[in-house]
Protein backbone atom coordinates (compact mmCIF):
# COMPACT_ATOMS: atom_id res chain seq x y z
CA MET A 1 -14.17 2.07 -16.40
CA PHE A 2 -14.19 -1.67 -15.77
CA GLU A 3 -16.55 -4.48 -16.31
CA SER A 4 -19.75 -4.06 -14.25
CA ARG A 5 -19.69 -7.59 -12.96
CA THR A 6 -16.55 -7.06 -10.73
CA ALA A 7 -15.16 -4.51 -8.37
CA ASN A 8 -11.87 -6.44 -8.04
CA LEU A 9 -9.32 -3.71 -7.47
CA SER A 10 -6.54 -5.66 -9.32
CA GLN A 11 -8.47 -5.35 -12.49
CA CYS A 12 -7.13 -1.72 -12.87
CA LEU A 13 -3.77 -3.26 -13.77
CA SER A 14 -5.24 -5.66 -16.37
CA HIS A 15 -6.99 -2.85 -17.87
CA HIS A 16 -3.92 -0.42 -18.11
CA ARG A 17 -1.48 -2.99 -19.28
CA HIS A 18 -3.61 -3.03 -22.50
CA ARG A 19 -4.11 0.66 -22.62
CA ILE A 20 -0.84 2.11 -21.48
CA PRO A 21 1.63 -0.77 -21.10
CA ASP A 22 4.76 1.22 -21.27
CA ARG A 23 3.76 4.04 -18.81
CA GLU A 24 5.56 3.87 -15.48
CA ALA A 25 3.28 2.25 -12.81
CA VAL A 26 5.45 1.87 -9.83
CA ILE A 27 8.94 3.24 -8.92
CA ASP A 28 10.71 1.51 -5.93
CA GLY A 29 14.30 3.04 -5.43
CA ASP A 30 16.29 2.35 -8.67
CA ARG A 31 13.60 -0.04 -10.00
CA ARG A 32 10.89 1.01 -12.37
CA PHE A 33 7.89 -1.11 -13.52
CA THR A 34 5.72 -0.06 -16.36
CA TYR A 35 2.15 -1.11 -16.25
CA GLY A 36 2.88 -4.14 -18.41
CA GLU A 37 5.88 -5.17 -16.17
CA PHE A 38 4.00 -4.58 -12.97
CA ASP A 39 0.90 -6.53 -14.16
CA ASP A 40 3.27 -9.46 -15.08
CA LEU A 41 4.70 -9.36 -11.51
CA VAL A 42 1.33 -9.49 -10.07
CA SER A 43 0.29 -12.48 -12.19
CA GLU A 44 3.49 -14.34 -11.34
CA THR A 45 2.97 -13.55 -7.65
CA ALA A 46 -0.68 -14.81 -7.99
CA ALA A 47 0.47 -18.11 -9.63
CA ALA A 48 2.96 -18.48 -6.74
CA PHE A 49 0.15 -18.11 -4.16
CA LEU A 50 -1.80 -20.65 -6.11
CA SER A 51 0.93 -23.12 -6.05
CA LEU A 52 1.21 -22.75 -2.35
CA GLY A 53 -2.53 -23.81 -2.07
CA LEU A 54 -3.82 -20.33 -1.26
CA GLU A 55 -7.53 -20.33 -2.26
CA ALA A 56 -10.22 -17.69 -2.76
CA GLY A 57 -11.53 -16.39 0.54
CA GLU A 58 -8.41 -17.38 2.50
CA VAL A 59 -6.22 -14.80 4.20
CA VAL A 60 -2.59 -14.21 3.34
CA GLY A 61 -0.52 -12.14 5.84
CA ILE A 62 2.27 -9.92 4.77
CA VAL A 63 5.04 -8.65 7.19
CA ASP A 64 7.40 -6.63 5.24
CA ASP A 65 8.71 -3.22 4.44
CA ASN A 66 7.07 -1.31 1.58
CA SER A 67 8.29 -2.40 -1.84
CA ALA A 68 6.96 -3.21 -5.20
CA GLU A 69 6.82 -6.89 -4.31
CA HIS A 70 4.73 -6.02 -1.22
CA LEU A 71 2.30 -4.06 -3.30
CA ALA A 72 2.20 -6.76 -5.87
CA GLN A 73 1.38 -9.38 -3.21
CA ILE A 74 -1.64 -7.33 -2.04
CA LEU A 75 -2.93 -7.07 -5.60
CA ALA A 76 -2.07 -10.69 -6.45
CA ALA A 77 -4.12 -12.01 -3.49
CA ASN A 78 -6.96 -9.90 -4.86
CA ARG A 79 -6.52 -11.28 -8.37
CA ILE A 80 -7.24 -14.83 -7.11
CA GLY A 81 -9.87 -13.81 -4.68
CA ALA A 82 -7.89 -14.15 -1.61
CA ILE A 83 -7.71 -11.62 1.20
CA PRO A 84 -4.39 -9.84 1.92
CA SER A 85 -3.52 -8.72 5.43
CA PRO A 86 -0.57 -6.47 5.64
CA ILE A 87 0.62 -6.67 9.21
CA ASN A 88 2.47 -4.22 11.42
CA TRP A 89 6.16 -5.24 11.29
CA ARG A 90 6.86 -3.32 14.63
CA LEU A 91 4.96 -5.96 16.62
CA ALA A 92 6.74 -8.38 18.97
CA ALA A 93 6.40 -12.09 18.40
CA ASP A 94 3.57 -12.68 20.86
CA GLU A 95 1.55 -9.74 19.33
CA LEU A 96 2.24 -11.11 15.80
CA GLY A 97 1.24 -14.54 16.98
CA TYR A 98 -2.16 -13.18 18.23
CA ILE A 99 -2.99 -11.84 14.81
CA LEU A 100 -1.90 -15.13 13.00
CA ARG A 101 -4.34 -16.96 15.14
CA GLN A 102 -7.20 -14.50 15.25
CA SER A 103 -7.16 -13.78 11.43
CA GLY A 104 -7.06 -17.56 10.51
CA LEU A 105 -4.54 -16.85 7.76
CA THR A 106 -3.06 -19.71 5.76
CA VAL A 107 -0.16 -18.19 4.11
CA LEU A 108 2.39 -15.79 5.54
CA SER A 109 4.82 -13.61 3.53
CA VAL A 110 7.76 -12.41 5.51
CA GLY A 111 10.55 -9.91 4.64
CA GLU A 112 14.04 -10.80 5.64
CA ARG A 113 14.25 -8.35 8.52
CA PHE A 114 11.45 -10.01 10.29
CA VAL A 115 12.20 -13.63 9.92
CA GLU A 116 13.06 -14.28 13.47
CA THR A 117 9.99 -12.60 14.84
CA ALA A 118 7.84 -14.42 12.37
CA ARG A 119 9.46 -17.75 13.20
CA LEU A 120 8.58 -17.26 16.99
CA ALA A 121 5.03 -16.15 16.17
CA ALA A 122 4.27 -18.85 13.60
CA ALA A 123 5.14 -21.61 16.23
CA ASP A 124 1.98 -20.67 17.82
CA ALA A 125 -0.24 -20.81 14.79
CA PRO A 126 -1.19 -24.37 14.07
CA ASP A 127 -3.30 -23.61 11.05
CA LEU A 128 -0.53 -21.85 9.20
CA ARG A 129 0.37 -24.08 6.22
CA VAL A 130 3.03 -22.23 4.52
CA VAL A 131 5.45 -19.31 5.28
CA VAL A 132 7.24 -17.58 2.38
CA THR A 133 10.33 -15.42 2.84
CA ASP A 134 13.07 -13.83 0.83
CA ALA A 135 15.80 -14.74 3.46
CA ALA A 136 19.03 -16.32 2.00
CA THR A 137 18.75 -19.09 4.52
CA PRO A 138 15.13 -19.53 5.63
CA PRO A 139 13.99 -21.72 8.36
CA GLU A 140 13.35 -25.21 7.56
CA GLY A 141 10.26 -25.75 5.44
CA TRP A 142 9.96 -22.09 4.39
CA ARG A 143 10.04 -21.12 0.78
CA ARG A 144 11.91 -18.29 -0.82
CA TRP A 145 10.15 -15.68 -2.98
CA PRO A 146 12.93 -15.50 -5.67
CA GLU A 147 12.73 -19.28 -6.32
CA LEU A 148 8.85 -19.08 -6.29
CA LEU A 149 8.69 -16.32 -8.70
CA ASP A 150 11.36 -17.92 -10.99
CA GLU A 151 9.05 -21.10 -11.07
CA HIS A 152 6.11 -18.94 -12.42
CA ARG A 153 7.77 -16.46 -14.85
CA GLY A 154 5.42 -15.60 -17.69
CA ALA A 155 2.44 -16.87 -15.86
CA GLU A 156 -0.93 -15.27 -16.76
CA VAL A 157 -3.58 -15.26 -14.05
CA ALA A 158 -6.95 -13.72 -14.77
CA ASP A 159 -8.77 -11.53 -12.19
CA VAL A 160 -11.62 -13.34 -10.52
CA PRO A 161 -14.85 -11.46 -10.17
CA ALA A 162 -15.34 -9.58 -6.87
CA GLY A 163 -18.60 -8.02 -5.63
CA LEU A 164 -18.70 -4.80 -3.65
CA ASP A 165 -19.26 -6.79 -0.37
CA ASP A 166 -16.33 -9.13 -0.90
CA LEU A 167 -13.23 -8.54 1.27
CA GLN A 168 -10.41 -6.76 -0.33
CA ARG A 169 -8.08 -6.50 2.64
CA ILE A 170 -7.88 -6.92 6.47
CA LEU A 171 -6.04 -4.24 8.36
CA TYR A 172 -5.38 -4.41 12.01
CA THR A 173 -5.85 -1.36 14.19
CA SER A 174 -3.23 -0.12 16.58
CA GLY A 175 -4.87 -1.74 19.55
CA THR A 176 -5.16 1.37 21.83
CA THR A 177 -7.64 -0.60 23.84
CA SER A 178 -6.66 -4.34 24.37
CA ARG A 179 -5.66 -6.23 21.30
CA PRO A 180 -5.58 -4.92 17.71
CA LYS A 181 -8.91 -5.34 15.84
CA GLY A 182 -9.16 -6.74 12.45
CA VAL A 183 -10.93 -4.19 10.13
CA MET A 184 -12.53 -5.92 7.10
CA LEU A 185 -12.41 -3.53 4.07
CA THR A 186 -14.50 -4.58 1.12
CA HIS A 187 -13.77 -4.03 -2.55
CA GLY A 188 -16.72 -1.53 -2.32
CA ASN A 189 -15.10 0.40 0.55
CA VAL A 190 -11.90 0.70 -1.46
CA LEU A 191 -13.58 1.42 -4.84
CA PHE A 192 -15.83 4.27 -3.55
CA ASN A 193 -12.83 5.71 -1.48
CA THR A 194 -10.85 5.61 -4.67
CA LEU A 195 -13.56 7.38 -6.64
CA GLY A 196 -13.97 9.97 -4.03
CA GLN A 197 -10.17 10.72 -4.00
CA ILE A 198 -10.09 10.98 -7.76
CA VAL A 199 -12.75 13.70 -7.61
CA GLU A 200 -11.62 15.44 -4.42
CA LEU A 201 -7.89 15.51 -5.17
CA GLU A 202 -8.39 15.84 -8.98
CA LEU A 203 -6.16 12.87 -9.74
CA SER A 204 -5.30 12.04 -13.25
CA ALA A 205 -2.90 9.86 -15.17
CA ARG A 206 -0.32 12.80 -15.08
CA ASP A 207 0.09 12.44 -11.43
CA ARG A 208 3.03 10.95 -9.58
CA ILE A 209 1.80 9.99 -6.10
CA MET A 210 4.09 8.86 -3.23
CA ILE A 211 3.30 6.06 -0.82
CA SER A 212 4.94 7.53 2.30
CA ALA A 213 3.34 5.42 5.02
CA PRO A 214 3.59 1.74 5.79
CA LEU A 215 1.34 -0.50 3.70
CA PHE A 216 0.04 -2.10 6.87
CA HIS A 217 -1.53 1.27 7.63
CA VAL A 218 -4.54 2.58 5.81
CA SER A 219 -2.60 5.69 4.78
CA GLY A 220 -0.15 3.48 2.97
CA GLY A 221 -2.46 2.02 0.41
CA ASP A 222 -5.45 4.37 0.35
CA VAL A 223 -4.39 7.97 0.49
CA PRO A 224 -4.15 8.22 -2.46
CA GLY A 225 -2.20 4.99 -3.12
CA PHE A 226 -4.36 2.56 -5.01
CA SER A 227 -6.30 5.61 -6.48
CA ALA A 228 -3.03 6.36 -8.53
CA LEU A 229 -3.03 2.92 -10.13
CA TYR A 230 -6.77 3.16 -10.85
CA VAL A 231 -6.28 6.34 -12.98
CA GLY A 232 -3.11 5.08 -14.58
CA ALA A 233 -0.76 7.39 -12.73
CA THR A 234 2.65 6.56 -11.21
CA LEU A 235 3.20 5.32 -7.67
CA VAL A 236 6.56 6.17 -6.05
CA ILE A 237 7.39 4.11 -2.99
CA ALA A 238 9.29 5.90 -0.24
CA GLN A 239 11.99 3.76 1.62
CA SER A 240 12.50 6.22 4.39
CA TYR A 241 10.29 8.17 6.74
CA GLN A 242 12.90 10.90 7.32
CA ALA A 243 11.83 14.46 6.25
CA SER A 244 15.04 15.14 4.28
CA ASP A 245 14.81 11.86 2.31
CA ILE A 246 11.09 12.39 1.58
CA VAL A 247 11.82 15.88 0.15
CA GLU A 248 14.70 14.56 -1.88
CA LEU A 249 12.44 11.83 -3.29
CA ILE A 250 9.71 14.34 -4.05
CA GLU A 251 12.20 16.41 -5.97
CA ARG A 252 13.93 13.61 -7.82
CA GLU A 253 10.79 11.81 -9.01
CA ARG A 254 8.69 15.01 -9.53
CA VAL A 255 6.00 13.88 -6.97
CA SER A 256 2.70 15.62 -7.37
CA GLY A 257 0.85 14.35 -4.29
CA LEU A 258 1.30 12.39 -1.02
CA ILE A 259 0.00 12.09 2.54
CA LEU A 260 2.51 12.87 5.34
CA ALA A 261 2.41 12.36 9.08
CA ALA A 262 2.72 15.35 11.45
CA GLN A 263 6.25 14.50 12.52
CA ILE A 264 7.49 14.46 8.92
CA LEU A 265 5.63 17.84 8.22
CA ASN A 266 7.41 19.22 11.43
CA GLY A 267 10.73 17.88 10.09
CA ILE A 268 10.24 19.59 6.73
CA LEU A 269 9.87 22.85 8.57
CA GLN A 270 13.40 22.48 9.79
CA LEU A 271 14.77 22.10 6.34
CA ASP A 272 16.15 24.68 3.93
CA MET A 273 14.00 24.51 0.90
CA SER A 274 15.61 27.42 -0.95
CA ASP A 275 17.53 25.23 -3.32
CA ARG A 276 14.75 22.53 -3.80
CA ASP A 277 12.67 22.35 -6.93
CA LEU A 278 9.28 21.16 -5.78
CA THR A 279 7.28 22.75 -8.42
CA GLU A 280 5.52 19.62 -9.45
CA LEU A 281 4.19 19.00 -5.92
CA ARG A 282 0.63 20.28 -5.86
CA PHE A 283 -0.92 18.66 -2.70
CA ILE A 284 -0.12 17.15 0.72
CA VAL A 285 -2.72 15.36 2.67
CA PHE A 286 -2.41 15.54 6.50
CA GLY A 287 -4.41 15.46 9.67
CA GLY A 288 -4.09 16.68 13.24
CA ILE A 289 -1.70 19.56 12.97
CA ALA A 290 -2.19 22.82 14.88
CA PRO A 291 -3.17 26.07 12.88
CA PRO A 292 0.24 27.72 13.61
CA ILE A 293 2.02 24.67 12.16
CA TYR A 294 -0.22 24.81 9.11
CA GLN A 295 0.45 28.43 8.54
CA ARG A 296 4.27 27.92 8.79
CA LEU A 297 4.13 25.04 6.31
CA GLN A 298 2.06 27.03 3.85
CA GLU A 299 4.77 29.68 4.04
CA HIS A 300 7.43 27.04 3.47
CA LEU A 301 5.54 25.61 0.56
CA PRO A 302 3.31 28.46 -0.77
CA HIS A 303 2.41 26.78 -4.02
CA VAL A 304 1.20 23.52 -2.46
CA TRP A 305 -2.43 22.74 -1.53
CA LEU A 306 -2.43 21.46 2.06
CA VAL A 307 -5.32 19.13 2.53
CA GLU A 308 -6.65 18.66 6.00
CA ALA A 309 -8.15 15.10 6.21
CA TYR A 310 -10.09 13.05 8.71
CA GLY A 311 -10.37 9.33 8.56
CA MET A 312 -9.97 6.02 10.22
CA THR A 313 -9.16 2.44 9.06
CA GLU A 314 -12.81 1.57 8.85
CA LEU A 315 -13.30 4.35 6.30
CA CYS A 316 -10.20 3.57 4.14
CA ASN A 317 -8.82 6.60 5.98
CA GLY A 318 -9.95 9.49 3.78
CA GLY A 319 -13.47 9.91 5.26
CA ALA A 320 -13.54 13.77 4.72
CA TYR A 321 -11.25 16.43 3.25
CA LEU A 322 -11.20 20.19 3.98
CA ASP A 323 -11.33 22.00 0.81
CA ALA A 324 -9.11 24.92 -0.13
CA ALA A 325 -11.90 27.50 0.61
CA HIS A 326 -12.08 26.44 4.24
CA VAL A 327 -8.46 26.12 5.24
CA PRO A 328 -7.18 28.04 8.43
């Protein structure tokens, strides 16, 4: 599909902007980005990163809610050969400070909700050169994303070549034993996970896939996430983790597939679905629910393929899927 010399994930956008520039790529609330528009945002973001001194091989941390901009920052870092590291925004300042030091990142992008936590954490990170935020009144020395993007409107940044062993992202585990561990995902990890999902979940450009988990978690970007952009489908970004909001978004945006956490699935079981039109929904990926819950959910959504999955951060999450012939 792409040039054999590079496995850079961001190249899927460059490819599709020439092939299907007017197709919807990303939906974020009331905002809709075509492939041409989203590729423009990624290039402008990449140019902003370059202006901050971010270089290939350096790490950029992202502490923010899911959004089109967050997704663009991940892909923009890849575009210039840098390594994005979406970080858990639930962390306390000392926990975040540990990751800032341990990862060696040089640029940090922070959403408005997390400015104070990041300010405290960054005070303990001597190698951190620049912090970027969208806050109306950022701390002294911090830059604002709206201004940075305005300075680079119309910028065109080419995808740097990336080999299979080059790092695509660093994601930190939950830290169930001691401190969180940084998992180094390569472009090869992501590429072959993407190809596996395209085959297993039968993804195509007709799909509308929801990101329903935080991008700092492997389920956010990789199940299916980036696979949708790879095939020229549409990504719908959920802004809430409440079951009722998820179902409303599935119906409104005609979502065809997504991954859901067990607590959201349990919440869906409590909803009256009789007046909902979810006919476009064809699969839900999940893991770790008891067979009785699975059976109730199948009765609740009889036309939907419920895909039991196993994975971990080190595997881009989707390490194995239970096919329809072997469900409980």
